[in-house]
Amino acid sequence: MSLEQAAVAVRAAAERVFGARVDQAAGYVELLELHGVERGLIGPREVERLWERHVLNSAVIGEQMPEGARVVDVGSGAGLPGVPLAIARPDLDIVLLEPMARRVDWLAEVAEKLELPITIVRGRAEERPVREQLGGADIVTARAVAPLARLADWCLPLVRPDGFLVALKGASAADEIERDGAAIRKAGGAAPLIVECGGAVLEVPSTVVKIRRLPAASKPKARSKKR
């Protein structure tokens, strides 16, 4: 659905979120409409709700990201949330991490056609070479990738101490936190917070779970033996 065909509320939200780059966002939606289903990136039912359910929903999580942050989007797939973030927040240094070659090719095409200064890496967050290459990020984000226990285990090692995992979740957020709290702590995360993003512009705000990576405990110095 083009922006002109979208509901008035959706058009207004898109203009507020993307500002002068709203046409660039519309170009991304058009690419998903044309190729998303045939290339296995989105389901057929998603085409009519790309703006509100996917693109705007992803872009507004930028509220949780400081100016100039280095961001890694794990399991980027169709480019969500990384591509909308890159359009809405050109100050961010964004890496799209995706293991599937055909999706990496798609992301490269999107970046070229929309002239987005993003980095695309093929790999998985749990792989040592990926952690060596991308570790130390200010923010790691993911959308519809895995439950929180696995996300924390995969993603927190990519986050710098006192940086954050920002995971897009829905109504299940509280239940996942209760179920996976011990696994999150084991992975080095602080107590998770549920945060709503985009409340000022979206009819249904995006729900994210925000987890701070705790600094590694300092080891006590060994005492020298007295002679």
Protein backbone atom coordinates (compact mmCIF):
# COMPACT_ATOMS: atom_id res chain seq x y z
CA MET A 1 0.00 0.00 0.00
CA SER A 2 1.47 3.35 -1.03
CA LEU A 3 1.54 6.17 1.47
CA GLU A 4 -1.11 8.03 -0.55
CA GLN A 5 -3.45 5.02 -0.21
CA ALA A 6 -2.83 4.59 3.52
CA ALA A 7 -5.20 5.88 6.17
CA VAL A 8 -4.85 9.51 7.20
CA ALA A 9 -3.50 8.52 10.62
CA VAL A 10 -0.83 6.33 9.02
CA ARG A 11 0.25 9.10 6.64
CA ALA A 12 0.49 11.57 9.51
CA ALA A 13 2.52 9.12 11.61
CA ALA A 14 4.89 8.37 8.71
CA GLU A 15 5.51 12.06 8.10
CA ARG A 16 6.26 12.63 11.79
CA VAL A 17 8.52 9.61 12.18
CA PHE A 18 10.49 9.94 8.92
CA GLY A 19 10.26 13.67 8.30
CA ALA A 20 12.08 14.73 5.13
CA ARG A 21 12.96 11.07 4.44
CA VAL A 22 9.35 9.85 4.24
CA ASP A 23 9.69 9.25 0.48
CA GLN A 24 12.65 6.99 1.19
CA ALA A 25 10.49 5.03 3.64
CA ALA A 26 7.77 4.81 1.00
CA GLY A 27 10.36 3.41 -1.41
CA TYR A 28 11.19 0.66 1.08
CA VAL A 29 7.50 -0.21 1.47
CA GLU A 30 7.17 -0.35 -2.32
CA LEU A 31 10.10 -2.79 -2.55
CA LEU A 32 8.49 -5.02 0.07
CA GLU A 33 5.16 -4.87 -1.76
CA LEU A 34 6.77 -5.84 -5.05
CA HIS A 35 9.16 -8.53 -3.88
CA GLY A 36 8.53 -9.37 -0.22
CA VAL A 37 6.10 -12.24 -0.69
CA GLU A 38 7.75 -13.89 -3.70
CA ARG A 39 11.14 -13.83 -1.96
CA GLY A 40 9.79 -15.24 1.28
CA LEU A 41 10.39 -12.09 3.33
CA ILE A 42 6.81 -11.41 4.43
CA GLY A 43 3.53 -13.30 4.39
CA PRO A 44 0.79 -12.41 1.89
CA ARG A 45 -1.45 -11.01 4.62
CA GLU A 46 1.23 -8.51 5.66
CA VAL A 47 1.24 -6.53 2.43
CA GLU A 48 -1.78 -4.42 3.39
CA ARG A 49 -0.35 -3.51 6.80
CA LEU A 50 3.30 -2.90 6.05
CA TRP A 51 3.27 0.69 7.26
CA GLU A 52 1.67 0.31 10.69
CA ARG A 53 2.63 -3.25 11.61
CA HIS A 54 6.18 -3.35 10.28
CA VAL A 55 7.80 -0.13 9.11
CA LEU A 56 6.49 2.42 11.63
CA ASN A 57 6.50 -0.23 14.35
CA SER A 58 10.24 -0.69 13.73
CA ALA A 59 11.25 2.92 13.25
CA VAL A 60 9.87 4.20 16.55
CA ILE A 61 12.19 2.03 18.65
CA GLY A 62 14.82 4.60 17.77
CA GLU A 63 13.44 6.46 20.80
CA GLN A 64 15.54 4.06 22.88
CA MET A 65 18.78 4.76 21.00
CA PRO A 66 21.17 7.61 21.80
CA GLU A 67 22.56 9.94 19.16
CA GLY A 68 25.25 8.33 17.04
CA ALA A 69 24.83 4.87 18.59
CA ARG A 70 26.38 1.82 16.96
CA VAL A 71 23.48 -0.59 16.37
CA VAL A 72 23.46 -4.23 15.29
CA ASP A 73 20.17 -5.65 13.94
CA VAL A 74 20.34 -9.42 14.54
CA GLY A 75 18.43 -11.65 12.12
CA SER A 76 17.48 -8.66 9.98
CA GLY A 77 15.58 -10.72 7.38
CA ALA A 78 13.49 -8.27 5.35
CA GLY A 79 15.39 -5.41 6.99
CA LEU A 80 13.24 -5.03 10.08
CA PRO A 81 13.86 -3.09 12.22
CA GLY A 82 17.21 -2.01 10.77
CA VAL A 83 16.13 -0.40 7.49
CA PRO A 84 13.33 1.78 8.95
CA LEU A 85 15.73 2.78 11.73
CA ALA A 86 18.38 3.76 9.21
CA ILE A 87 15.86 5.93 7.35
CA ALA A 88 14.37 7.58 10.44
CA ARG A 89 17.71 7.97 12.25
CA PRO A 90 20.55 8.61 9.78
CA ASP A 91 22.81 9.47 12.73
CA LEU A 92 22.92 5.81 13.77
CA ASP A 93 25.72 3.49 12.63
CA ILE A 94 23.70 0.40 11.67
CA VAL A 95 24.81 -3.13 10.86
CA LEU A 96 22.32 -5.67 9.51
CA LEU A 97 23.29 -9.22 10.53
CA GLU A 98 21.58 -12.01 8.58
CA PRO A 99 22.60 -15.67 8.08
CA MET A 100 20.68 -16.49 4.86
CA ALA A 101 22.42 -15.65 1.59
CA ARG A 102 19.23 -14.80 -0.33
CA ARG A 103 18.19 -12.36 2.37
CA VAL A 104 21.65 -10.82 2.46
CA ASP A 105 21.30 -10.26 -1.29
CA TRP A 106 17.92 -8.59 -0.72
CA LEU A 107 19.31 -6.31 1.97
CA ALA A 108 22.17 -5.30 -0.31
CA GLU A 109 19.67 -4.43 -3.06
CA VAL A 110 17.60 -2.35 -0.64
CA ALA A 111 20.65 -0.48 0.64
CA GLU A 112 21.76 0.29 -2.93
CA LYS A 113 18.36 1.37 -4.23
CA LEU A 114 17.57 3.55 -1.22
CA GLU A 115 21.17 4.80 -0.90
CA LEU A 116 21.39 3.80 2.75
CA PRO A 117 24.81 3.92 4.45
CA ILE A 118 24.36 0.61 6.28
CA THR A 119 26.70 -2.35 6.68
CA ILE A 120 25.43 -5.86 5.87
CA VAL A 121 27.11 -8.90 7.37
CA ARG A 122 26.27 -12.53 6.71
CA GLY A 123 26.45 -14.64 9.84
CA ARG A 124 24.87 -15.57 13.15
CA ALA A 125 25.19 -13.66 16.41
CA GLU A 126 26.45 -16.76 18.27
CA GLU A 127 29.40 -17.34 15.90
CA ARG A 128 32.82 -16.38 17.26
CA PRO A 129 33.98 -14.50 14.10
CA VAL A 130 30.79 -12.43 14.20
CA ARG A 131 31.29 -11.62 17.87
CA GLU A 132 34.88 -10.61 17.18
CA GLN A 133 33.81 -8.40 14.26
CA LEU A 134 30.68 -6.80 15.70
CA GLY A 135 31.17 -6.94 19.45
CA GLY A 136 31.06 -3.74 21.49
CA ALA A 137 27.83 -2.37 20.01
CA ASP A 138 25.93 0.29 21.94
CA ILE A 139 22.61 -1.33 21.01
CA VAL A 140 21.71 -4.75 19.66
CA THR A 141 18.16 -5.14 18.41
CA ALA A 142 16.05 -7.99 17.08
CA ARG A 143 12.51 -8.49 15.89
CA ALA A 144 10.63 -11.81 15.75
CA VAL A 145 13.86 -13.79 15.99
CA ALA A 146 13.66 -15.93 19.15
CA PRO A 147 12.41 -16.06 22.77
CA LEU A 148 14.21 -13.80 25.24
CA ALA A 149 16.34 -16.60 26.73
CA ARG A 150 17.94 -17.37 23.39
CA LEU A 151 18.10 -13.72 22.35
CA ALA A 152 19.99 -12.81 25.52
CA ASP A 153 22.43 -15.68 25.02
CA TRP A 154 23.05 -14.76 21.39
CA CYS A 155 22.92 -10.98 21.52
CA LEU A 156 24.29 -9.76 24.86
CA PRO A 157 27.86 -10.83 23.96
CA LEU A 158 27.68 -8.32 21.08
CA VAL A 159 26.71 -5.49 23.45
CA ARG A 160 29.30 -3.37 25.23
CA PRO A 161 29.08 -3.25 29.03
CA ASP A 162 26.22 -0.91 30.01
CA GLY A 163 24.89 -1.05 26.44
CA PHE A 164 21.45 -2.52 25.71
CA LEU A 165 19.62 -5.31 23.97
CA VAL A 166 16.39 -3.77 22.62
CA ALA A 167 14.08 -6.59 21.54
CA LEU A 168 10.80 -5.88 19.78
CA LYS A 169 8.11 -7.96 21.46
CA GLY A 170 4.33 -7.95 21.67
CA ALA A 171 1.80 -8.91 24.29
CA SER A 172 3.98 -11.83 25.38
CA ALA A 173 6.73 -9.57 26.77
CA ALA A 174 5.82 -9.88 30.45
CA ASP A 175 5.36 -13.65 30.23
CA GLU A 176 8.72 -14.05 28.49
CA ILE A 177 10.46 -11.99 31.16
CA GLU A 178 8.96 -14.09 33.93
CA ARG A 179 9.86 -17.34 32.17
CA ASP A 180 13.34 -16.37 30.98
CA GLY A 181 14.57 -14.12 33.80
CA ALA A 182 17.15 -16.63 35.07
CA ALA A 183 18.55 -17.20 31.57
CA ILE A 184 18.86 -13.45 31.01
CA ARG A 185 20.83 -13.05 34.24
CA LYS A 186 23.05 -15.99 33.32
CA ALA A 187 23.79 -14.34 29.96
CA GLY A 188 24.94 -11.18 31.75
CA GLY A 189 21.80 -9.06 31.55
CA ALA A 190 20.28 -6.80 34.18
CA ALA A 191 16.59 -6.94 35.08
CA PRO A 192 14.60 -6.45 31.84
CA LEU A 193 12.36 -3.42 31.36
CA ILE A 194 9.22 -3.28 29.23
CA VAL A 195 9.04 0.00 27.31
CA GLU A 196 6.44 1.33 24.88
CA CYS A 197 7.71 3.31 21.90
CA GLY A 198 5.87 5.60 19.53
CA GLY A 199 2.96 6.37 21.83
CA ALA A 200 2.82 9.93 20.55
CA VAL A 201 2.41 8.90 16.90
CA LEU A 202 1.06 5.33 16.73
CA GLU A 203 -2.39 4.11 17.63
CA VAL A 204 -0.77 0.94 18.98
CA PRO A 205 2.72 1.66 20.38
CA SER A 206 5.58 -0.78 19.86
CA THR A 207 6.52 -2.87 22.87
CA VAL A 208 10.19 -3.54 23.47
CA VAL A 209 12.08 -5.39 26.14
CA LYS A 210 15.20 -3.47 27.09
CA ILE A 211 18.04 -5.35 28.80
CA ARG A 212 21.26 -3.69 29.97
CA ARG A 213 24.44 -5.72 29.73
CA LEU A 214 26.11 -5.78 33.12
CA PRO A 215 29.84 -5.11 33.33
CA ALA A 216 31.87 -8.23 33.99
CA ALA A 217 32.59 -8.72 37.68
CA SER A 218 36.10 -7.61 38.48
CA LYS A 219 38.34 -10.37 39.73
CA PRO A 220 40.00 -9.85 43.11
CA LYS A 221 43.73 -9.32 42.91
CA ALA A 222 45.83 -12.23 44.04
CA ARG A 223 47.68 -11.55 47.24
CA SER A 224 51.42 -11.86 47.14
CA LYS A 225 52.84 -14.53 49.41
CA LYS A 226 54.91 -13.32 52.32
CA ARG A 227 58.35 -14.82 52.52
